[in-house]
PDB file of N, CA and C in Angstrom:
ATOM      1  N   UNK A   1     124.381 168.527 -18.780  1.00  0.00           N
ATOM      2  CA  UNK A   1     125.051 167.577 -19.962  1.00  0.00           C
ATOM      3  C   UNK A   1     126.420 167.504 -19.399  1.00  0.00           C
ATOM      4  N   UNK A   2     126.883 167.796 -18.087  1.00  0.00           N
ATOM      5  CA  UNK A   2     128.235 167.336 -17.846  1.00  0.00           C
ATOM      6  C   UNK A   2     127.952 165.716 -17.609  1.00  0.00           C
ATOM      7  N   UNK A   3     127.201 165.487 -16.949  1.00  0.00           N
ATOM      8  CA  UNK A   3     126.702 163.981 -16.120  1.00  0.00           C
ATOM      9  C   UNK A   3     126.882 162.723 -17.561  1.00  0.00           C
ATOM     10  N   UNK A   4     126.360 163.139 -18.621  1.00  0.00           N
ATOM     11  CA  UNK A   4     126.651 162.600 -20.010  1.00  0.00           C
ATOM     12  C   UNK A   4     127.914 162.600 -20.053  1.00  0.00           C
ATOM     13  N   UNK A   5     128.576 163.426 -20.351  1.00  0.00           N
ATOM     14  CA  UNK A   5     130.186 163.583 -20.446  1.00  0.00           C
ATOM     15  C   UNK A   5     131.092 162.835 -19.683  1.00  0.00           C
ATOM     16  N   UNK A   6     131.139 162.951 -18.157  1.00  0.00           N
ATOM     17  CA  UNK A   6     131.287 162.131 -17.792  1.00  0.00           C
ATOM     18  C   UNK A   6     131.388 160.486 -17.272  1.00  0.00           C
ATOM     19  N   UNK A   7     130.648 160.095 -17.614  1.00  0.00           N
ATOM     20  CA  UNK A   7     129.665 158.593 -18.034  1.00  0.00           C
ATOM     21  C   UNK A   7     130.755 158.385 -19.686  1.00  0.00           C
ATOM     22  N   UNK A   8     130.412 159.253 -20.611  1.00  0.00           N
ATOM     23  CA  UNK A   8     130.782 158.950 -21.809  1.00  0.00           C
ATOM     24  C   UNK A   8     132.522 159.157 -21.700  1.00  0.00           C
ATOM     25  N   UNK A   9     133.239 159.981 -20.867  1.00  0.00           N
ATOM     26  CA  UNK A   9     134.428 159.911 -20.849  1.00  0.00           C
ATOM     27  C   UNK A   9     135.232 158.483 -20.829  1.00  0.00           C
ATOM     28  N   UNK A  10     134.192 157.928 -19.664  1.00  0.00           N
ATOM     29  CA  UNK A  10     134.961 156.697 -18.800  1.00  0.00           C
ATOM     30  C   UNK A  10     134.464 155.431 -19.987  1.00  0.00           C
ATOM     31  N   UNK A  11     133.906 155.589 -21.243  1.00  0.00           N
ATOM     32  CA  UNK A  11     133.414 154.629 -22.101  1.00  0.00           C
ATOM     33  C   UNK A  11     133.920 154.676 -23.555  1.00  0.00           C
ATOM     34  N   UNK A  12     135.119 155.692 -23.158  1.00  0.00           N
ATOM     35  CA  UNK A  12     136.153 155.975 -24.606  1.00  0.00           C
ATOM     36  C   UNK A  12     136.876 154.782 -24.903  1.00  0.00           C
ATOM     37  N   UNK A  13     136.667 154.455 -25.991  1.00  0.00           N
ATOM     38  CA  UNK A  13     137.390 153.359 -26.767  1.00  0.00           C
ATOM     39  C   UNK A  13     137.007 152.110 -26.185  1.00  0.00           C
ATOM     40  N   UNK A  14     135.532 152.065 -25.947  1.00  0.00           N
ATOM     41  CA  UNK A  14     135.056 150.791 -25.835  1.00  0.00           C
ATOM     42  C   UNK A  14     133.920 150.789 -26.879  1.00  0.00           C
ATOM     43  N   UNK A  15     132.930 149.581 -27.116  1.00  0.00           N
ATOM     44  CA  UNK A  15     132.161 149.124 -27.525  1.00  0.00           C
ATOM     45  C   UNK A  15     130.766 149.081 -27.007  1.00  0.00           C
ATOM     46  N   UNK A  16     129.911 150.031 -27.534  1.00  0.00           N
ATOM     47  CA  UNK A  16     128.275 150.493 -27.061  1.00  0.00           C
ATOM     48  C   UNK A  16     127.347 149.919 -27.954  1.00  0.00           C
ATOM     49  N   UNK A  17     125.902 149.750 -27.221  1.00  0.00           N
ATOM     50  CA  UNK A  17     125.237 149.496 -28.131  1.00  0.00           C
ATOM     51  C   UNK A  17     124.289 150.692 -28.338  1.00  0.00           C
ATOM     52  N   UNK A  18     123.944 151.282 -29.262  1.00  0.00           N
ATOM     53  CA  UNK A  18     122.633 152.426 -29.423  1.00  0.00           C
ATOM     54  C   UNK A  18     121.348 151.819 -30.000  1.00  0.00           C
ATOM     55  N   UNK A  19     120.278 151.850 -29.010  1.00  0.00           N
ATOM     56  CA  UNK A  19     118.813 151.754 -29.354  1.00  0.00           C
ATOM     57  C   UNK A  19     118.033 153.040 -29.695  1.00  0.00           C
ATOM     58  N   UNK A  20     117.262 152.887 -30.337  1.00  0.00           N
ATOM     59  CA  UNK A  20     116.316 154.018 -30.306  1.00  0.00           C
ATOM     60  C   UNK A  20     115.163 153.816 -30.605  1.00  0.00           C
ATOM     61  N   UNK A  21     114.159 154.273 -29.854  1.00  0.00           N
ATOM     62  CA  UNK A  21     112.619 153.785 -29.633  1.00  0.00           C
ATOM     63  C   UNK A  21     112.166 154.899 -29.624  1.00  0.00           C
ATOM     64  N   UNK A  22     110.849 154.877 -30.896  1.00  0.00           N
ATOM     65  CA  UNK A  22     109.891 155.996 -30.691  1.00  0.00           C
ATOM     66  C   UNK A  22     109.216 155.579 -32.018  1.00  0.00           C
ATOM     67  N   UNK A  23     108.790 156.808 -33.028  1.00  0.00           N
ATOM     68  CA  UNK A  23     108.442 156.625 -34.115  1.00  0.00           C
ATOM     69  C   UNK A  23     109.546 156.375 -35.396  1.00  0.00           C
ATOM     70  N   UNK A  24     110.910 156.328 -34.828  1.00  0.00           N
ATOM     71  CA  UNK A  24     111.763 155.462 -35.851  1.00  0.00           C
ATOM     72  C   UNK A  24     112.448 154.578 -34.804  1.00  0.00           C
ATOM     73  N   UNK A  25     112.403 153.303 -35.275  1.00  0.00           N
ATOM     74  CA  UNK A  25     113.476 152.424 -33.602  1.00  0.00           C
ATOM     75  C   UNK A  25     114.450 152.016 -35.147  1.00  0.00           C
ATOM     76  N   UNK A  26     115.666 151.652 -34.084  1.00  0.00           N
ATOM     77  CA  UNK A  26     116.897 150.911 -34.668  1.00  0.00           C
ATOM     78  C   UNK A  26     117.663 150.588 -33.332  1.00  0.00           C
ATOM     79  N   UNK A  27     118.531 149.717 -34.100  1.00  0.00           N
ATOM     80  CA  UNK A  27     120.050 149.331 -32.770  1.00  0.00           C
ATOM     81  C   UNK A  27     121.101 149.097 -33.841  1.00  0.00           C
ATOM     82  N   UNK A  28     122.034 149.648 -33.173  1.00  0.00           N
ATOM     83  CA  UNK A  28     123.316 148.945 -33.688  1.00  0.00           C
ATOM     84  C   UNK A  28     124.449 149.316 -32.574  1.00  0.00           C
ATOM     85  N   UNK A  29     125.754 148.642 -33.324  1.00  0.00           N
ATOM     86  CA  UNK A  29     126.962 148.578 -32.425  1.00  0.00           C
ATOM     87  C   UNK A  29     128.108 149.678 -33.026  1.00  0.00           C
ATOM     88  N   UNK A  30     128.593 150.203 -31.984  1.00  0.00           N
ATOM     89  CA  UNK A  30     129.467 151.269 -32.082  1.00  0.00           C
ATOM     90  C   UNK A  30     130.860 151.069 -31.725  1.00  0.00           C
ATOM     91  N   UNK A  31     131.943 150.357 -32.244  1.00  0.00           N
ATOM     92  CA  UNK A  31     133.012 149.802 -31.799  1.00  0.00           C
ATOM     93  C   UNK A  31     133.969 151.167 -31.834  1.00  0.00           C
ATOM     94  N   UNK A  32     134.735 151.075 -30.488  1.00  0.00           N
ATOM     95  CA  UNK A  32     135.872 151.772 -30.022  1.00  0.00           C
ATOM     96  C   UNK A  32     134.940 153.398 -30.144  1.00  0.00           C
ATOM     97  N   UNK A  33     134.129 153.579 -29.506  1.00  0.00           N
ATOM     98  CA  UNK A  33     133.314 154.683 -28.992  1.00  0.00           C
ATOM     99  C   UNK A  33     134.401 155.937 -29.114  1.00  0.00           C
ATOM    100  N   UNK A  34     134.197 157.166 -29.579  1.00  0.00           N
ATOM    101  CA  UNK A  34     134.456 158.797 -29.178  1.00  0.00           C
ATOM    102  C   UNK A  34     133.487 159.540 -29.182  1.00  0.00           C
ATOM    103  N   UNK A  35     133.809 160.822 -29.362  1.00  0.00           N
ATOM    104  CA  UNK A  35     132.505 161.353 -29.054  1.00  0.00           C
ATOM    105  C   UNK A  35     133.020 163.180 -29.361  1.00  0.00           C
ATOM    106  N   UNK A  36     132.343 163.853 -29.457  1.00  0.00           N
ATOM    107  CA  UNK A  36     132.220 165.320 -29.150  1.00  0.00           C
ATOM    108  C   UNK A  36     131.138 166.245 -29.119  1.00  0.00           C
ATOM    109  N   UNK A  37     131.098 167.018 -28.170  1.00  0.00           N
ATOM    110  CA  UNK A  37     130.030 167.929 -27.845  1.00  0.00           C
ATOM    111  C   UNK A  37     130.492 169.002 -28.361  1.00  0.00           C
ATOM    112  N   UNK A  38     129.426 170.014 -29.175  1.00  0.00           N
ATOM    113  CA  UNK A  38     130.139 171.137 -29.783  1.00  0.00           C
ATOM    114  C   UNK A  38     128.635 171.939 -29.919  1.00  0.00           C
ATOM    115  N   UNK A  39     128.332 173.010 -29.236  1.00  0.00           N
ATOM    116  CA  UNK A  39     126.933 173.833 -29.405  1.00  0.00           C
ATOM    117  C   UNK A  39     125.733 173.380 -29.122  1.00  0.00           C
ATOM    118  N   UNK A  40     126.053 172.154 -28.386  1.00  0.00           N
ATOM    119  CA  UNK A  40     124.996 171.557 -27.451  1.00  0.00           C
ATOM    120  C   UNK A  40     124.370 170.237 -28.462  1.00  0.00           C
ATOM    121  N   UNK A  41     125.603 170.396 -29.114  1.00  0.00           N
ATOM    122  CA  UNK A  41     124.815 168.677 -29.953  1.00  0.00           C
ATOM    123  C   UNK A  41     125.854 167.760 -29.640  1.00  0.00           C
ATOM    124  N   UNK A  42     125.668 166.355 -29.431  1.00  0.00           N
ATOM    125  CA  UNK A  42     126.613 165.321 -29.204  1.00  0.00           C
ATOM    126  C   UNK A  42     126.730 164.719 -30.546  1.00  0.00           C
ATOM    127  N   UNK A  43     128.049 164.100 -30.912  1.00  0.00           N
ATOM    128  CA  UNK A  43     128.345 163.455 -31.925  1.00  0.00           C
ATOM    129  C   UNK A  43     129.017 162.137 -31.253  1.00  0.00           C
ATOM    130  N   UNK A  44     128.335 161.231 -31.784  1.00  0.00           N
ATOM    131  CA  UNK A  44     128.862 159.970 -31.591  1.00  0.00           C
ATOM    132  C   UNK A  44     129.903 159.183 -32.652  1.00  0.00           C
ATOM    133  N   UNK A  45     130.787 158.535 -32.393  1.00  0.00           N
ATOM    134  CA  UNK A  45     131.831 158.179 -33.873  1.00  0.00           C
ATOM    135  C   UNK A  45     132.239 157.034 -33.237  1.00  0.00           C
ATOM    136  N   UNK A  46     132.582 155.937 -34.367  1.00  0.00           N
ATOM    137  CA  UNK A  46     133.142 154.757 -33.870  1.00  0.00           C
ATOM    138  C   UNK A  46     134.636 154.469 -34.733  1.00  0.00           C
ATOM    139  N   UNK A  47     135.403 153.231 -34.478  1.00  0.00           N
ATOM    140  CA  UNK A  47     136.473 153.320 -34.915  1.00  0.00           C
ATOM    141  C   UNK A  47     137.039 154.136 -36.262  1.00  0.00           C
ATOM    142  N   UNK A  48     136.288 154.101 -37.031  1.00  0.00           N
ATOM    143  CA  UNK A  48     136.528 154.975 -38.225  1.00  0.00           C
ATOM    144  C   UNK A  48     136.102 156.016 -38.481  1.00  0.00           C
ATOM    145  N   UNK A  49     136.157 156.893 -37.059  1.00  0.00           N
ATOM    146  CA  UNK A  49     135.895 158.508 -37.263  1.00  0.00           C
ATOM    147  C   UNK A  49     134.631 158.687 -37.992  1.00  0.00           C
ATOM    148  N   UNK A  50     133.779 157.781 -38.277  1.00  0.00           N
ATOM    149  CA  UNK A  50     132.658 158.093 -39.166  1.00  0.00           C
ATOM    150  C   UNK A  50     131.534 158.544 -37.880  1.00  0.00           C
ATOM    151  N   UNK A  51     130.689 159.609 -38.010  1.00  0.00           N
ATOM    152  CA  UNK A  51     129.488 160.100 -37.325  1.00  0.00           C
ATOM    153  C   UNK A  51     128.451 158.916 -37.003  1.00  0.00           C
ATOM    154  N   UNK A  52     127.864 157.935 -36.177  1.00  0.00           N
ATOM    155  CA  UNK A  52     126.962 157.567 -36.168  1.00  0.00           C
ATOM    156  C   UNK A  52     125.440 158.045 -35.381  1.00  0.00           C
ATOM    157  N   UNK A  53     125.483 159.072 -34.872  1.00  0.00           N
ATOM    158  CA  UNK A  53     124.454 159.527 -34.615  1.00  0.00           C
ATOM    159  C   UNK A  53     124.787 161.030 -33.740  1.00  0.00           C
ATOM    160  N   UNK A  54     123.841 161.825 -34.348  1.00  0.00           N
ATOM    161  CA  UNK A  54     124.290 163.477 -33.220  1.00  0.00           C
ATOM    162  C   UNK A  54     122.602 163.166 -32.789  1.00  0.00           C
ATOM    163  N   UNK A  55     123.337 163.761 -31.501  1.00  0.00           N
ATOM    164  CA  UNK A  55     121.724 164.379 -30.811  1.00  0.00           C
ATOM    165  C   UNK A  55     121.793 165.700 -29.903  1.00  0.00           C
ATOM    166  N   UNK A  56     120.955 166.508 -30.645  1.00  0.00           N
ATOM    167  CA  UNK A  56     120.692 167.601 -30.250  1.00  0.00           C
ATOM    168  C   UNK A  56     120.394 167.764 -28.401  1.00  0.00           C
ATOM    169  N   UNK A  57     121.287 168.013 -27.822  1.00  0.00           N
ATOM    170  CA  UNK A  57     120.931 168.245 -26.066  1.00  0.00           C
ATOM    171  C   UNK A  57     120.549 169.062 -25.642  1.00  0.00           C
ATOM    172  N   UNK A  58     119.614 170.194 -26.731  1.00  0.00           N
ATOM    173  CA  UNK A  58     118.394 170.543 -25.812  1.00  0.00           C
ATOM    174  C   UNK A  58     117.424 170.419 -26.133  1.00  0.00           C
ATOM    175  N   UNK A  59     117.374 169.549 -26.745  1.00  0.00           N
ATOM    176  CA  UNK A  59     115.827 168.163 -26.586  1.00  0.00           C
ATOM    177  C   UNK A  59     115.806 166.887 -25.959  1.00  0.00           C
ATOM    178  N   UNK A  60     116.633 166.956 -25.333  1.00  0.00           N
ATOM    179  CA  UNK A  60     116.601 166.174 -24.249  1.00  0.00           C
ATOM    180  C   UNK A  60     116.012 166.731 -22.736  1.00  0.00           C
ATOM    181  N   UNK A  61     114.704 165.918 -22.456  1.00  0.00           N
ATOM    182  CA  UNK A  61     114.190 166.325 -20.833  1.00  0.00           C
ATOM    183  C   UNK A  61     114.472 165.626 -20.246  1.00  0.00           C
ATOM    184  N   UNK A  62     114.966 164.312 -20.368  1.00  0.00           N
ATOM    185  CA  UNK A  62     114.962 163.560 -18.563  1.00  0.00           C
ATOM    186  C   UNK A  62     116.209 162.614 -19.306  1.00  0.00           C
ATOM    187  N   UNK A  63     117.130 162.233 -18.181  1.00  0.00           N
ATOM    188  CA  UNK A  63     117.791 161.631 -18.533  1.00  0.00           C
ATOM    189  C   UNK A  63     117.989 160.315 -17.348  1.00  0.00           C
ATOM    190  N   UNK A  64     118.165 159.250 -17.601  1.00  0.00           N
ATOM    191  CA  UNK A  64     117.866 157.942 -16.787  1.00  0.00           C
ATOM    192  C   UNK A  64     119.583 157.035 -16.874  1.00  0.00           C
ATOM    193  N   UNK A  65     120.216 156.929 -15.610  1.00  0.00           N
ATOM    194  CA  UNK A  65     121.615 156.419 -15.821  1.00  0.00           C
ATOM    195  C   UNK A  65     121.416 155.381 -15.024  1.00  0.00           C
ATOM    196  N   UNK A  66     121.852 154.126 -15.402  1.00  0.00           N
ATOM    197  CA  UNK A  66     122.025 152.969 -14.664  1.00  0.00           C
ATOM    198  C   UNK A  66     123.753 152.724 -14.627  1.00  0.00           C
ATOM    199  N   UNK A  67     124.058 151.526 -14.196  1.00  0.00           N
ATOM    200  CA  UNK A  67     125.133 151.109 -14.223  1.00  0.00           C
ATOM    201  C   UNK A  67     126.053 151.193 -15.908  1.00  0.00           C
ATOM    202  N   UNK A  68     125.654 150.600 -16.689  1.00  0.00           N
ATOM    203  CA  UNK A  68     126.266 150.651 -17.644  1.00  0.00           C
ATOM    204  C   UNK A  68     125.329 150.975 -18.793  1.00  0.00           C
ATOM    205  N   UNK A  69     124.240 151.997 -18.889  1.00  0.00           N
ATOM    206  CA  UNK A  69     123.611 152.517 -19.667  1.00  0.00           C
ATOM    207  C   UNK A  69     123.159 153.695 -19.246  1.00  0.00           C
ATOM    208  N   UNK A  70     122.762 154.627 -20.492  1.00  0.00           N
ATOM    209  CA  UNK A  70     122.525 156.165 -20.110  1.00  0.00           C
ATOM    210  C   UNK A  70     121.170 156.037 -21.488  1.00  0.00           C
ATOM    211  N   UNK A  71     119.633 156.410 -20.694  1.00  0.00           N
ATOM    212  CA  UNK A  71     118.603 156.883 -21.527  1.00  0.00           C
ATOM    213  C   UNK A  71     118.114 158.223 -21.777  1.00  0.00           C
ATOM    214  N   UNK A  72     118.540 158.694 -23.093  1.00  0.00           N
ATOM    215  CA  UNK A  72     118.151 159.522 -23.310  1.00  0.00           C
ATOM    216  C   UNK A  72     116.632 160.415 -23.789  1.00  0.00           C
ATOM    217  N   UNK A  73     115.650 160.839 -23.281  1.00  0.00           N
ATOM    218  CA  UNK A  73     114.538 161.086 -23.408  1.00  0.00           C
ATOM    219  C   UNK A  73     114.040 162.310 -24.245  1.00  0.00           C
ATOM    220  N   UNK A  74     113.908 162.208 -25.326  1.00  0.00           N
ATOM    221  CA  UNK A  74     113.681 164.041 -26.008  1.00  0.00           C
ATOM    222  C   UNK A  74     112.762 164.212 -26.202  1.00  0.00           C
ATOM    223  N   UNK A  75     112.270 165.429 -26.734  1.00  0.00           N
ATOM    224  CA  UNK A  75     110.924 166.143 -27.271  1.00  0.00           C
ATOM    225  C   UNK A  75     109.822 165.534 -27.676  1.00  0.00           C
ATOM    226  N   UNK A  76     110.692 164.721 -28.582  1.00  0.00           N
ATOM    227  CA  UNK A  76     109.568 164.238 -29.915  1.00  0.00           C
ATOM    228  C   UNK A  76     109.343 162.773 -29.541  1.00  0.00           C
ATOM    229  N   UNK A  77     108.976 162.416 -28.648  1.00  0.00           N
ATOM    230  CA  UNK A  77     108.846 160.777 -27.933  1.00  0.00           C
ATOM    231  C   UNK A  77     109.503 159.869 -28.463  1.00  0.00           C
ATOM    232  N   UNK A  78     111.086 160.003 -28.484  1.00  0.00           N
ATOM    233  CA  UNK A  78     111.757 159.179 -28.709  1.00  0.00           C
ATOM    234  C   UNK A  78     113.267 158.873 -27.657  1.00  0.00           C
ATOM    235  N   UNK A  79     113.272 157.898 -27.557  1.00  0.00           N
ATOM    236  CA  UNK A  79     114.493 157.584 -26.374  1.00  0.00           C
ATOM    237  C   UNK A  79     115.422 156.963 -26.670  1.00  0.00           C
ATOM    238  N   UNK A  80     116.804 157.247 -26.741  1.00  0.00           N
ATOM    239  CA  UNK A  80     118.051 156.617 -27.068  1.00  0.00           C
ATOM    240  C   UNK A  80     118.494 156.194 -26.011  1.00  0.00           C
ATOM    241  N   UNK A  81     118.777 154.824 -26.104  1.00  0.00           N
ATOM    242  CA  UNK A  81     120.062 154.252 -24.969  1.00  0.00           C
ATOM    243  C   UNK A  81     121.370 154.003 -25.529  1.00  0.00           C
ATOM    244  N   UNK A  82     121.963 154.253 -24.560  1.00  0.00           N
ATOM    245  CA  UNK A  82     123.633 154.176 -24.958  1.00  0.00           C
ATOM    246  C   UNK A  82     123.675 152.984 -23.803  1.00  0.00           C
ATOM    247  N   UNK A  83     124.657 151.895 -24.195  1.00  0.00           N
ATOM    248  CA  UNK A  83     124.472 150.490 -23.675  1.00  0.00           C
ATOM    249  C   UNK A  83     125.978 150.822 -23.126  1.00  0.00           C
ATOM    250  N   UNK A  84     127.029 150.150 -22.815  1.00  0.00           N
ATOM    251  CA  UNK A  84     128.310 149.817 -22.732  1.00  0.00           C
ATOM    252  C   UNK A  84     127.885 148.407 -22.633  1.00  0.00           C
ATOM    253  N   UNK A  85     128.582 147.908 -23.900  1.00  0.00           N
ATOM    254  CA  UNK A  85     128.803 146.125 -24.075  1.00  0.00           C
ATOM    255  C   UNK A  85     129.467 145.735 -23.343  1.00  0.00           C
ATOM    256  N   UNK A  86     128.899 144.629 -22.911  1.00  0.00           N
ATOM    257  CA  UNK A  86     129.923 143.565 -21.440  1.00  0.00           C
ATOM    258  C   UNK A  86     130.965 142.754 -22.598  1.00  0.00           C
TER     259      UNK A  86
END
């Protein structure tokens, strides 16, 4: 999971788009990204320090990295994309 942390460190204070696909679908923008990883849980926050999403990293079985996007595939047929907004 260090690879996720390395990418998110370069995205701090930038805007990202979160897209969730699977049995629940959603898409939203997070302004001024901040995050923390604690007990294998990735918590992503926005500019008001509100928690937007929490991901149990133990559920991630595959990671795809592109230049400005990370896709996390979770055990229960969910794909969460984190994309840096240009």
